[in-house]
PDB file of N, CA and C in Angstrom:
ATOM      1  N   MET A   1      23.077 -40.411  15.423  1.00  0.00           N
ATOM      2  CA  MET A   1      22.769 -41.346  14.356  1.00  0.00           C
ATOM      3  C   MET A   1      22.101 -42.598  14.921  1.00  0.00           C
ATOM      4  N   GLU A   2      22.607 -43.080  16.053  1.00  0.00           N
ATOM      5  CA  GLU A   2      22.040 -44.280  16.665  1.00  0.00           C
ATOM      6  C   GLU A   2      20.597 -44.042  17.103  1.00  0.00           C
ATOM      7  N   SER A   3      20.317 -42.852  17.632  1.00  0.00           N
ATOM      8  CA  SER A   3      18.951 -42.556  18.069  1.00  0.00           C
ATOM      9  C   SER A   3      18.001 -42.478  16.874  1.00  0.00           C
ATOM     10  N   ILE A   4      18.494 -42.017  15.740  1.00  0.00           N
ATOM     11  CA  ILE A   4      17.668 -41.972  14.538  1.00  0.00           C
ATOM     12  C   ILE A   4      17.324 -43.393  14.091  1.00  0.00           C
ATOM     13  N   MET A   5      18.299 -44.278  14.164  1.00  0.00           N
ATOM     14  CA  MET A   5      18.067 -45.672  13.778  1.00  0.00           C
ATOM     15  C   MET A   5      17.053 -46.323  14.716  1.00  0.00           C
ATOM     16  N   LYS A   6      17.169 -46.052  16.006  1.00  0.00           N
ATOM     17  CA  LYS A   6      16.207 -46.611  16.963  1.00  0.00           C
ATOM     18  C   LYS A   6      14.811 -46.092  16.661  1.00  0.00           C
ATOM     19  N   TYR A   7      14.715 -44.817  16.354  1.00  0.00           N
ATOM     20  CA  TYR A   7      13.428 -44.215  16.015  1.00  0.00           C
ATOM     21  C   TYR A   7      12.833 -44.892  14.780  1.00  0.00           C
ATOM     22  N   LEU A   8      13.661 -45.116  13.768  1.00  0.00           N
ATOM     23  CA  LEU A   8      13.183 -45.761  12.549  1.00  0.00           C
ATOM     24  C   LEU A   8      12.707 -47.180  12.816  1.00  0.00           C
ATOM     25  N   VAL A   9      13.415 -47.899  13.676  1.00  0.00           N
ATOM     26  CA  VAL A   9      13.010 -49.256  14.022  1.00  0.00           C
ATOM     27  C   VAL A   9      11.639 -49.240  14.697  1.00  0.00           C
ATOM     28  N   VAL A  10      11.441 -48.293  15.600  1.00  0.00           N
ATOM     29  CA  VAL A  10      10.152 -48.184  16.288  1.00  0.00           C
ATOM     30  C   VAL A  10       9.045 -47.859  15.293  1.00  0.00           C
ATOM     31  N   VAL A  11       9.309 -46.954  14.387  1.00  0.00           N
ATOM     32  CA  VAL A  11       8.307 -46.595  13.378  1.00  0.00           C
ATOM     33  C   VAL A  11       7.967 -47.809  12.519  1.00  0.00           C
ATOM     34  N   VAL A  12       8.970 -48.556  12.112  1.00  0.00           N
ATOM     35  CA  VAL A  12       8.729 -49.750  11.296  1.00  0.00           C
ATOM     36  C   VAL A  12       7.907 -50.767  12.089  1.00  0.00           C
ATOM     37  N   CYS A  13       8.235 -50.933  13.369  1.00  0.00           N
ATOM     38  CA  CYS A  13       7.466 -51.862  14.211  1.00  0.00           C
ATOM     39  C   CYS A  13       6.019 -51.417  14.313  1.00  0.00           C
ATOM     40  N   LEU A  14       5.818 -50.130  14.503  1.00  0.00           N
ATOM     41  CA  LEU A  14       4.452 -49.622  14.603  1.00  0.00           C
ATOM     42  C   LEU A  14       3.683 -49.857  13.312  1.00  0.00           C
ATOM     43  N   CYS A  15       4.348 -49.660  12.196  1.00  0.00           N
ATOM     44  CA  CYS A  15       3.694 -49.898  10.910  1.00  0.00           C
ATOM     45  C   CYS A  15       3.422 -51.388  10.705  1.00  0.00           C
ATOM     46  N   ALA A  16       4.381 -52.213  11.069  1.00  0.00           N
ATOM     47  CA  ALA A  16       4.229 -53.652  10.880  1.00  0.00           C
ATOM     48  C   ALA A  16       3.113 -54.215  11.738  1.00  0.00           C
ATOM     49  N   PHE A  17       2.975 -53.695  12.928  1.00  0.00           N
ATOM     50  CA  PHE A  17       1.938 -54.189  13.827  1.00  0.00           C
ATOM     51  C   PHE A  17       0.625 -53.451  13.643  1.00  0.00           C
ATOM     52  N   GLY A  18       0.571 -52.527  12.759  1.00  0.00           N
ATOM     53  CA  GLY A  18      -0.661 -51.806  12.493  1.00  0.00           C
ATOM     54  C   GLY A  18      -1.109 -50.935  13.657  1.00  0.00           C
ATOM     55  N   GLY A  19      -0.166 -50.512  14.462  1.00  0.00           N
ATOM     56  CA  GLY A  19      -0.493 -49.611  15.556  1.00  0.00           C
ATOM     57  C   GLY A  19      -1.014 -50.310  16.785  1.00  0.00           C
ATOM     58  N   SER A  20      -2.061 -51.107  16.644  1.00  0.00           N
ATOM     59  CA  SER A  20      -2.646 -51.735  17.821  1.00  0.00           C
ATOM     60  C   SER A  20      -2.723 -53.252  17.688  1.00  0.00           C
ATOM     61  N   ALA A  21      -1.961 -53.810  16.801  1.00  0.00           N
ATOM     62  CA  ALA A  21      -2.017 -55.257  16.612  1.00  0.00           C
ATOM     63  C   ALA A  21      -1.555 -56.003  17.852  1.00  0.00           C
ATOM     64  N   LEU A  22      -0.661 -55.404  18.618  1.00  0.00           N
ATOM     65  CA  LEU A  22      -0.230 -56.066  19.837  1.00  0.00           C
ATOM     66  C   LEU A  22      -1.399 -56.239  20.799  1.00  0.00           C
ATOM     67  N   ALA A  23      -2.303 -55.300  20.811  1.00  0.00           N
ATOM     68  CA  ALA A  23      -3.470 -55.414  21.685  1.00  0.00           C
ATOM     69  C   ALA A  23      -4.460 -56.442  21.134  1.00  0.00           C
ATOM     70  N   ASP A  24      -4.457 -56.636  19.833  1.00  0.00           N
ATOM     71  CA  ASP A  24      -5.394 -57.565  19.208  1.00  0.00           C
ATOM     72  C   ASP A  24      -5.033 -59.018  19.486  1.00  0.00           C
ATOM     73  N   ALA A  25      -3.776 -59.343  19.432  1.00  0.00           N
ATOM     74  CA  ALA A  25      -3.339 -60.713  19.664  1.00  0.00           C
ATOM     75  C   ALA A  25      -2.047 -60.690  20.472  1.00  0.00           C
ATOM     76  N   SER A  26      -2.104 -61.228  21.666  1.00  0.00           N
ATOM     77  CA  SER A  26      -0.919 -61.237  22.513  1.00  0.00           C
ATOM     78  C   SER A  26       0.102 -62.238  21.977  1.00  0.00           C
ATOM     79  N   CYS A  27       1.304 -62.106  22.450  1.00  0.00           N
ATOM     80  CA  CYS A  27       2.366 -63.035  22.055  1.00  0.00           C
ATOM     81  C   CYS A  27       1.975 -64.464  22.410  1.00  0.00           C
ATOM     82  N   THR A  28       1.387 -64.631  23.580  1.00  0.00           N
ATOM     83  CA  THR A  28       0.978 -65.960  24.024  1.00  0.00           C
ATOM     84  C   THR A  28      -0.080 -66.545  23.090  1.00  0.00           C
ATOM     85  N   ALA A  29      -1.034 -65.729  22.691  1.00  0.00           N
ATOM     86  CA  ALA A  29      -2.087 -66.194  21.784  1.00  0.00           C
ATOM     87  C   ALA A  29      -1.518 -66.553  20.415  1.00  0.00           C
ATOM     88  N   ARG A  30      -0.618 -65.714  19.914  1.00  0.00           N
ATOM     89  CA  ARG A  30      -0.011 -66.007  18.605  1.00  0.00           C
ATOM     90  C   ARG A  30       0.840 -67.257  18.661  1.00  0.00           C
ATOM     91  N   ALA A  31       1.543 -67.475  19.778  1.00  0.00           N
ATOM     92  CA  ALA A  31       2.352 -68.686  19.932  1.00  0.00           C
ATOM     93  C   ALA A  31       1.452 -69.925  19.960  1.00  0.00           C
ATOM     94  N   ALA A  32       0.314 -69.814  20.622  1.00  0.00           N
ATOM     95  CA  ALA A  32      -0.631 -70.927  20.673  1.00  0.00           C
ATOM     96  C   ALA A  32      -1.201 -71.225  19.293  1.00  0.00           C
ATOM     97  N   GLU A  33      -1.508 -70.164  18.529  1.00  0.00           N
ATOM     98  CA  GLU A  33      -2.019 -70.351  17.165  1.00  0.00           C
ATOM     99  C   GLU A  33      -1.018 -71.093  16.297  1.00  0.00           C
ATOM    100  N   LYS A  34       0.259 -70.761  16.500  1.00  0.00           N
ATOM    101  CA  LYS A  34       1.323 -71.391  15.713  1.00  0.00           C
ATOM    102  C   LYS A  34       1.739 -72.741  16.274  1.00  0.00           C
ATOM    103  N   LYS A  35       1.181 -73.105  17.429  1.00  0.00           N
ATOM    104  CA  LYS A  35       1.478 -74.379  18.103  1.00  0.00           C
ATOM    105  C   LYS A  35       2.975 -74.544  18.344  1.00  0.00           C
ATOM    106  N   LEU A  36       3.595 -73.472  18.866  1.00  0.00           N
ATOM    107  CA  LEU A  36       5.025 -73.506  19.142  1.00  0.00           C
ATOM    108  C   LEU A  36       5.298 -74.205  20.470  1.00  0.00           C
ATOM    109  N   ALA A  37       6.457 -74.841  20.552  1.00  0.00           N
ATOM    110  CA  ALA A  37       6.870 -75.501  21.790  1.00  0.00           C
ATOM    111  C   ALA A  37       8.394 -75.515  21.855  1.00  0.00           C
ATOM    112  N   GLY A  38       8.911 -75.708  23.049  1.00  0.00           N
ATOM    113  CA  GLY A  38      10.351 -75.846  23.247  1.00  0.00           C
ATOM    114  C   GLY A  38      11.124 -74.600  22.868  1.00  0.00           C
ATOM    115  N   ALA A  39      12.231 -74.818  22.154  1.00  0.00           N
ATOM    116  CA  ALA A  39      13.126 -73.729  21.782  1.00  0.00           C
ATOM    117  C   ALA A  39      12.447 -72.717  20.857  1.00  0.00           C
ATOM    118  N   ALA A  40      11.585 -73.190  19.989  1.00  0.00           N
ATOM    119  CA  ALA A  40      10.880 -72.279  19.077  1.00  0.00           C
ATOM    120  C   ALA A  40       9.977 -71.337  19.863  1.00  0.00           C
ATOM    121  N   LEU A  41       9.302 -71.868  20.884  1.00  0.00           N
ATOM    122  CA  LEU A  41       8.440 -71.043  21.728  1.00  0.00           C
ATOM    123  C   LEU A  41       9.262 -70.019  22.496  1.00  0.00           C
ATOM    124  N   THR A  42      10.361 -70.456  23.070  1.00  0.00           N
ATOM    125  CA  THR A  42      11.229 -69.559  23.831  1.00  0.00           C
ATOM    126  C   THR A  42      11.751 -68.434  22.960  1.00  0.00           C
ATOM    127  N   SER A  43      12.222 -68.771  21.777  1.00  0.00           N
ATOM    128  CA  SER A  43      12.751 -67.779  20.846  1.00  0.00           C
ATOM    129  C   SER A  43      11.665 -66.804  20.406  1.00  0.00           C
ATOM    130  N   PHE A  44      10.499 -67.327  20.062  1.00  0.00           N
ATOM    131  CA  PHE A  44       9.384 -66.487  19.626  1.00  0.00           C
ATOM    132  C   PHE A  44       8.966 -65.522  20.732  1.00  0.00           C
ATOM    133  N   MET A  45       8.828 -66.022  21.951  1.00  0.00           N
ATOM    134  CA  MET A  45       8.387 -65.187  23.063  1.00  0.00           C
ATOM    135  C   MET A  45       9.414 -64.104  23.377  1.00  0.00           C
ATOM    136  N   LYS A  46      10.698 -64.436  23.301  1.00  0.00           N
ATOM    137  CA  LYS A  46      11.743 -63.450  23.563  1.00  0.00           C
ATOM    138  C   LYS A  46      11.679 -62.331  22.522  1.00  0.00           C
ATOM    139  N   LYS A  47      11.578 -62.687  21.256  1.00  0.00           N
ATOM    140  CA  LYS A  47      11.510 -61.700  20.176  1.00  0.00           C
ATOM    141  C   LYS A  47      10.240 -60.865  20.286  1.00  0.00           C
ATOM    142  N   CYS A  48       9.143 -61.515  20.585  1.00  0.00           N
ATOM    143  CA  CYS A  48       7.869 -60.817  20.701  1.00  0.00           C
ATOM    144  C   CYS A  48       7.899 -59.823  21.862  1.00  0.00           C
ATOM    145  N   GLU A  49       8.478 -60.212  22.989  1.00  0.00           N
ATOM    146  CA  GLU A  49       8.575 -59.313  24.136  1.00  0.00           C
ATOM    147  C   GLU A  49       9.495 -58.133  23.831  1.00  0.00           C
ATOM    148  N   GLU A  50      10.577 -58.366  23.097  1.00  0.00           N
ATOM    149  CA  GLU A  50      11.471 -57.273  22.712  1.00  0.00           C
ATOM    150  C   GLU A  50      10.743 -56.284  21.789  1.00  0.00           C
ATOM    151  N   ASP A  51       9.980 -56.810  20.849  1.00  0.00           N
ATOM    152  CA  ASP A  51       9.212 -55.948  19.943  1.00  0.00           C
ATOM    153  C   ASP A  51       8.172 -55.140  20.723  1.00  0.00           C
ATOM    154  N   ALA A  52       7.523 -55.801  21.668  1.00  0.00           N
ATOM    155  CA  ALA A  52       6.523 -55.120  22.495  1.00  0.00           C
ATOM    156  C   ALA A  52       7.171 -54.020  23.318  1.00  0.00           C
ATOM    157  N   ALA A  53       8.357 -54.289  23.851  1.00  0.00           N
ATOM    158  CA  ALA A  53       9.064 -53.284  24.648  1.00  0.00           C
ATOM    159  C   ALA A  53       9.400 -52.062  23.800  1.00  0.00           C
ATOM    160  N   ALA A  54       9.789 -52.278  22.551  1.00  0.00           N
ATOM    161  CA  ALA A  54      10.107 -51.152  21.670  1.00  0.00           C
ATOM    162  C   ALA A  54       8.869 -50.304  21.391  1.00  0.00           C
ATOM    163  N   VAL A  55       7.744 -50.956  21.145  1.00  0.00           N
ATOM    164  CA  VAL A  55       6.499 -50.234  20.882  1.00  0.00           C
ATOM    165  C   VAL A  55       6.045 -49.495  22.138  1.00  0.00           C
ATOM    166  N   CYS A  56       6.135 -50.160  23.281  1.00  0.00           N
ATOM    167  CA  CYS A  56       5.729 -49.536  24.544  1.00  0.00           C
ATOM    168  C   CYS A  56       6.635 -48.361  24.896  1.00  0.00           C
ATOM    169  N   ASP A  57       7.917 -48.499  24.606  1.00  0.00           N
ATOM    170  CA  ASP A  57       8.862 -47.419  24.870  1.00  0.00           C
ATOM    171  C   ASP A  57       8.520 -46.194  24.024  1.00  0.00           C
ATOM    172  N   ALA A  58       8.211 -46.419  22.763  1.00  0.00           N
ATOM    173  CA  ALA A  58       7.828 -45.303  21.888  1.00  0.00           C
ATOM    174  C   ALA A  58       6.544 -44.647  22.387  1.00  0.00           C
ATOM    175  N   ASP A  59       5.609 -45.455  22.853  1.00  0.00           N
ATOM    176  CA  ASP A  59       4.355 -44.929  23.382  1.00  0.00           C
ATOM    177  C   ASP A  59       4.599 -44.091  24.634  1.00  0.00           C
ATOM    178  N   SER A  60       5.462 -44.578  25.515  1.00  0.00           N
ATOM    179  CA  SER A  60       5.743 -43.832  26.749  1.00  0.00           C
ATOM    180  C   SER A  60       6.466 -42.519  26.452  1.00  0.00           C
ATOM    181  N   LYS A  61       7.330 -42.522  25.434  1.00  0.00           N
ATOM    182  CA  LYS A  61       8.019 -41.284  25.056  1.00  0.00           C
ATOM    183  C   LYS A  61       7.039 -40.279  24.457  1.00  0.00           C
ATOM    184  N   SER A  62       6.088 -40.781  23.681  1.00  0.00           N
ATOM    185  CA  SER A  62       5.107 -39.862  23.095  1.00  0.00           C
ATOM    186  C   SER A  62       4.209 -39.252  24.167  1.00  0.00           C
ATOM    187  N   LYS A  63       4.062 -39.953  25.285  1.00  0.00           N
ATOM    188  CA  LYS A  63       3.255 -39.450  26.400  1.00  0.00           C
ATOM    189  C   LYS A  63       4.095 -38.680  27.421  1.00  0.00           C
ATOM    190  N   ASN A  64       5.401 -38.563  27.165  1.00  0.00           N
ATOM    191  CA  ASN A  64       6.335 -37.866  28.056  1.00  0.00           C
ATOM    192  C   ASN A  64       6.284 -38.384  29.490  1.00  0.00           C
ATOM    193  N   LEU A  65       6.247 -39.698  29.647  1.00  0.00           N
ATOM    194  CA  LEU A  65       6.209 -40.299  30.977  1.00  0.00           C
ATOM    195  C   LEU A  65       7.614 -40.391  31.559  1.00  0.00           C
ATOM    196  N   SER A  66       7.703 -40.311  32.872  1.00  0.00           N
ATOM    197  CA  SER A  66       8.992 -40.477  33.538  1.00  0.00           C
ATOM    198  C   SER A  66       8.785 -41.094  34.912  1.00  0.00           C
ATOM    199  N   ARG A  67       9.853 -41.589  35.455  1.00  0.00           N
ATOM    200  CA  ARG A  67       9.912 -42.181  36.789  1.00  0.00           C
ATOM    201  C   ARG A  67       8.858 -43.257  37.010  1.00  0.00           C
ATOM    202  N   ALA A  68       8.066 -43.114  38.054  1.00  0.00           N
ATOM    203  CA  ALA A  68       7.097 -44.146  38.434  1.00  0.00           C
ATOM    204  C   ALA A  68       6.043 -44.365  37.359  1.00  0.00           C
ATOM    205  N   ALA A  69       5.597 -43.292  36.729  1.00  0.00           N
ATOM    206  CA  ALA A  69       4.600 -43.424  35.665  1.00  0.00           C
ATOM    207  C   ALA A  69       5.161 -44.220  34.492  1.00  0.00           C
ATOM    208  N   LEU A  70       6.417 -43.967  34.156  1.00  0.00           N
ATOM    209  CA  LEU A  70       7.072 -44.696  33.072  1.00  0.00           C
ATOM    210  C   LEU A  70       7.198 -46.173  33.428  1.00  0.00           C
ATOM    211  N   ASP A  71       7.661 -46.452  34.637  1.00  0.00           N
ATOM    212  CA  ASP A  71       7.825 -47.845  35.071  1.00  0.00           C
ATOM    213  C   ASP A  71       6.496 -48.590  35.043  1.00  0.00           C
ATOM    214  N   SER A  72       5.468 -47.959  35.567  1.00  0.00           N
ATOM    215  CA  SER A  72       4.146 -48.581  35.608  1.00  0.00           C
ATOM    216  C   SER A  72       3.606 -48.821  34.199  1.00  0.00           C
ATOM    217  N   HIS A  73       3.740 -47.810  33.354  1.00  0.00           N
ATOM    218  CA  HIS A  73       3.249 -47.930  31.979  1.00  0.00           C
ATOM    219  C   HIS A  73       3.970 -49.052  31.242  1.00  0.00           C
ATOM    220  N   MET A  74       5.294 -49.089  31.344  1.00  0.00           N
ATOM    221  CA  MET A  74       6.073 -50.112  30.641  1.00  0.00           C
ATOM    222  C   MET A  74       5.692 -51.514  31.125  1.00  0.00           C
ATOM    223  N   LYS A  75       5.574 -51.672  32.430  1.00  0.00           N
ATOM    224  CA  LYS A  75       5.249 -52.981  32.988  1.00  0.00           C
ATOM    225  C   LYS A  75       3.888 -53.459  32.480  1.00  0.00           C
ATOM    226  N   LYS A  76       2.888 -52.592  32.533  1.00  0.00           N
ATOM    227  CA  LYS A  76       1.544 -52.969  32.101  1.00  0.00           C
ATOM    228  C   LYS A  76       1.473 -53.169  30.589  1.00  0.00           C
ATOM    229  N   CYS A  77       2.102 -52.277  29.851  1.00  0.00           N
ATOM    230  CA  CYS A  77       2.061 -52.347  28.385  1.00  0.00           C
ATOM    231  C   CYS A  77       2.694 -53.653  27.881  1.00  0.00           C
ATOM    232  N   ILE A  78       3.853 -53.986  28.409  1.00  0.00           N
ATOM    233  CA  ILE A  78       4.543 -55.211  27.975  1.00  0.00           C
ATOM    234  C   ILE A  78       3.765 -56.442  28.418  1.00  0.00           C
ATOM    235  N   ALA A  79       3.262 -56.429  29.648  1.00  0.00           N
ATOM    236  CA  ALA A  79       2.480 -57.575  30.135  1.00  0.00           C
ATOM    237  C   ALA A  79       1.237 -57.790  29.276  1.00  0.00           C
ATOM    238  N   ASP A  80       0.572 -56.727  28.887  1.00  0.00           N
ATOM    239  CA  ASP A  80      -0.609 -56.825  28.034  1.00  0.00           C
ATOM    240  C   ASP A  80      -0.233 -57.386  26.654  1.00  0.00           C
ATOM    241  N   ALA A  81       0.863 -56.908  26.102  1.00  0.00           N
ATOM    242  CA  ALA A  81       1.282 -57.354  24.773  1.00  0.00           C
ATOM    243  C   ALA A  81       1.718 -58.811  24.773  1.00  0.00           C
ATOM    244  N   VAL A  82       2.396 -59.217  25.841  1.00  0.00           N
ATOM    245  CA  VAL A  82       2.885 -60.593  25.931  1.00  0.00           C
ATOM    246  C   VAL A  82       1.741 -61.546  26.281  1.00  0.00           C
ATOM    247  N   GLY A  83       0.793 -61.065  27.036  1.00  0.00           N
ATOM    248  CA  GLY A  83      -0.338 -61.915  27.414  1.00  0.00           C
ATOM    249  C   GLY A  83      -0.259 -62.388  28.842  1.00  0.00           C
ATOM    250  N   LYS A  84       0.578 -61.745  29.639  1.00  0.00           N
ATOM    251  CA  LYS A  84       0.681 -62.090  31.057  1.00  0.00           C
ATOM    252  C   LYS A  84      -0.394 -61.343  31.820  1.00  0.00           C
ATOM    253  N   LYS A  85      -0.944 -61.971  32.829  1.00  0.00           N
ATOM    254  CA  LYS A  85      -1.974 -61.313  33.639  1.00  0.00           C
ATOM    255  C   LYS A  85      -1.483 -61.073  35.030  1.00  0.00           C
TER     256      LYS A  85
END
């Protein structure tokens, strides 16, 4: 039951972000647009990174990645979504 709920959350995230919205605007760019600072920025970035991790995790599962490939994919995918270089 818990895995079904996680799957549904990922699907909702994918729908909410339009599939590739994370690639369109990074968390850092969206935070700058909203002119966030201090605690609001920290909270926004934490939530945004968690959402990105969920989307990246679903993507890696759909690609059947494991071990080093999974680690590399997750690291790059989350960094791209957050806006880290």
